[in-house]
């Protein structure tokens, strides 16, 4: 499941001959958003400067970092032939 989004976006980028794929995800930290965010190389977070949005960022930053670190660890453990 986690690699499904990455595979889909990679194929779409190749087929469309593009370097950028934009995703619009819901404002939650559920499984689908996790897979989409892990697949992303960059994340843009639009928000209004209101208390709720600012508080949400306090949770989102550390969660994103943790997800990315866990994903990198998993990729490092894969045999190199699978990563090529």
C-alpha atoms as a PDB file:
ATOM      1  CA  UNK A   1       0.000   0.000   0.000  1.00  0.00           C
ATOM      2  CA  UNK A   2       2.689   2.514   0.959  1.00  0.00           C
ATOM      3  CA  UNK A   3       4.495   2.162  -2.379  1.00  0.00           C
ATOM      4  CA  UNK A   4       1.286   2.261  -4.448  1.00  0.00           C
ATOM      5  CA  UNK A   5       1.174   6.045  -4.674  1.00  0.00           C
ATOM      6  CA  UNK A   6       4.867   6.310  -5.501  1.00  0.00           C
ATOM      7  CA  UNK A   7       4.500   3.726  -8.283  1.00  0.00           C
ATOM      8  CA  UNK A   8       1.413   5.437  -9.654  1.00  0.00           C
ATOM      9  CA  UNK A   9       3.003   8.903  -9.629  1.00  0.00           C
ATOM     10  CA  UNK A  10       6.257   7.633 -11.164  1.00  0.00           C
ATOM     11  CA  UNK A  11       4.387   5.933 -14.017  1.00  0.00           C
ATOM     12  CA  UNK A  12       2.204   8.995 -14.603  1.00  0.00           C
ATOM     13  CA  UNK A  13       5.243  11.283 -14.705  1.00  0.00           C
ATOM     14  CA  UNK A  14       6.960   9.045 -17.265  1.00  0.00           C
ATOM     15  CA  UNK A  15       3.834   8.707 -19.416  1.00  0.00           C
ATOM     16  CA  UNK A  16       3.166  12.458 -19.327  1.00  0.00           C
ATOM     17  CA  UNK A  17       6.860  13.366 -19.616  1.00  0.00           C
ATOM     18  CA  UNK A  18       6.743  15.665 -16.604  1.00  0.00           C
ATOM     19  CA  UNK A  19       9.057  16.379 -13.700  1.00  0.00           C
ATOM     20  CA  UNK A  20       6.341  17.489 -11.268  1.00  0.00           C
ATOM     21  CA  UNK A  21       3.274  15.688  -9.929  1.00  0.00           C
ATOM     22  CA  UNK A  22       0.914  17.689  -7.715  1.00  0.00           C
ATOM     23  CA  UNK A  23      -1.196  15.935  -5.088  1.00  0.00           C
ATOM     24  CA  UNK A  24      -3.994  17.468  -3.085  1.00  0.00           C
ATOM     25  CA  UNK A  25      -4.619  15.484   0.084  1.00  0.00           C
ATOM     26  CA  UNK A  26      -7.110  15.874   2.881  1.00  0.00           C
ATOM     27  CA  UNK A  27      -6.026  17.602   6.102  1.00  0.00           C
ATOM     28  CA  UNK A  28      -5.440  14.433   8.085  1.00  0.00           C
ATOM     29  CA  UNK A  29      -2.662  12.015   8.979  1.00  0.00           C
ATOM     30  CA  UNK A  30      -4.470   8.844   7.917  1.00  0.00           C
ATOM     31  CA  UNK A  31      -3.055   5.913   5.954  1.00  0.00           C
ATOM     32  CA  UNK A  32      -3.812   7.285   2.464  1.00  0.00           C
ATOM     33  CA  UNK A  33      -2.260  10.651   3.229  1.00  0.00           C
ATOM     34  CA  UNK A  34       0.729   8.919   4.788  1.00  0.00           C
ATOM     35  CA  UNK A  35       1.342   6.959   1.588  1.00  0.00           C
ATOM     36  CA  UNK A  36       0.952  10.082  -0.558  1.00  0.00           C
ATOM     37  CA  UNK A  37       3.221  12.196   1.644  1.00  0.00           C
ATOM     38  CA  UNK A  38       5.910   9.520   1.821  1.00  0.00           C
ATOM     39  CA  UNK A  39       5.856   9.313  -1.990  1.00  0.00           C
ATOM     40  CA  UNK A  40       6.447  13.052  -2.255  1.00  0.00           C
ATOM     41  CA  UNK A  41       9.926  14.526  -2.517  1.00  0.00           C
ATOM     42  CA  UNK A  42       8.621  17.963  -1.498  1.00  0.00           C
ATOM     43  CA  UNK A  43       5.582  19.064   0.503  1.00  0.00           C
ATOM     44  CA  UNK A  44       3.820  22.426   0.252  1.00  0.00           C
ATOM     45  CA  UNK A  45       1.390  23.250   3.027  1.00  0.00           C
ATOM     46  CA  UNK A  46      -1.017  26.095   2.275  1.00  0.00           C
ATOM     47  CA  UNK A  47      -2.644  27.536   5.359  1.00  0.00           C
ATOM     48  CA  UNK A  48      -4.215  30.613   6.767  1.00  0.00           C
ATOM     49  CA  UNK A  49      -2.341  32.181   9.683  1.00  0.00           C
ATOM     50  CA  UNK A  50      -4.878  31.093  12.255  1.00  0.00           C
ATOM     51  CA  UNK A  51      -4.362  29.320  15.545  1.00  0.00           C
ATOM     52  CA  UNK A  52      -5.769  25.963  14.392  1.00  0.00           C
ATOM     53  CA  UNK A  53      -3.470  25.798  11.357  1.00  0.00           C
ATOM     54  CA  UNK A  54      -0.415  26.830  13.342  1.00  0.00           C
ATOM     55  CA  UNK A  55      -1.155  24.231  16.029  1.00  0.00           C
ATOM     56  CA  UNK A  56      -1.658  21.581  13.356  1.00  0.00           C
ATOM     57  CA  UNK A  57       1.813  22.270  11.959  1.00  0.00           C
ATOM     58  CA  UNK A  58       3.332  21.464  15.347  1.00  0.00           C
ATOM     59  CA  UNK A  59       2.016  17.912  14.901  1.00  0.00           C
ATOM     60  CA  UNK A  60       2.576  17.590  11.172  1.00  0.00           C
ATOM     61  CA  UNK A  61       6.288  18.455  11.014  1.00  0.00           C
ATOM     62  CA  UNK A  62       7.533  15.784  13.437  1.00  0.00           C
ATOM     63  CA  UNK A  63       5.142  13.195  11.985  1.00  0.00           C
ATOM     64  CA  UNK A  64       6.352  13.832   8.428  1.00  0.00           C
ATOM     65  CA  UNK A  65       9.985  13.622   9.512  1.00  0.00           C
ATOM     66  CA  UNK A  66       9.334  10.318  11.295  1.00  0.00           C
ATOM     67  CA  UNK A  67       7.543   8.841   8.304  1.00  0.00           C
ATOM     68  CA  UNK A  68      10.314   9.884   5.913  1.00  0.00           C
ATOM     69  CA  UNK A  69      13.051   8.501   8.204  1.00  0.00           C
ATOM     70  CA  UNK A  70      11.222   5.182   8.536  1.00  0.00           C
ATOM     71  CA  UNK A  71      10.811   4.961   4.777  1.00  0.00           C
ATOM     72  CA  UNK A  72      14.500   5.699   4.172  1.00  0.00           C
ATOM     73  CA  UNK A  73      15.468   2.972   6.646  1.00  0.00           C
ATOM     74  CA  UNK A  74      13.276   0.477   4.808  1.00  0.00           C
ATOM     75  CA  UNK A  75      14.746   1.458   1.427  1.00  0.00           C
ATOM     76  CA  UNK A  76      18.278   1.098   2.801  1.00  0.00           C
ATOM     77  CA  UNK A  77      17.504  -2.496   3.845  1.00  0.00           C
ATOM     78  CA  UNK A  78      16.263  -3.493   0.366  1.00  0.00           C
ATOM     79  CA  UNK A  79      18.628  -5.381  -1.897  1.00  0.00           C
ATOM     80  CA  UNK A  80      20.109  -2.902  -4.396  1.00  0.00           C
ATOM     81  CA  UNK A  81      18.692  -4.883  -7.333  1.00  0.00           C
ATOM     82  CA  UNK A  82      15.153  -4.001  -6.182  1.00  0.00           C
ATOM     83  CA  UNK A  83      15.931  -0.269  -5.950  1.00  0.00           C
ATOM     84  CA  UNK A  84      17.380   0.061  -9.466  1.00  0.00           C
END
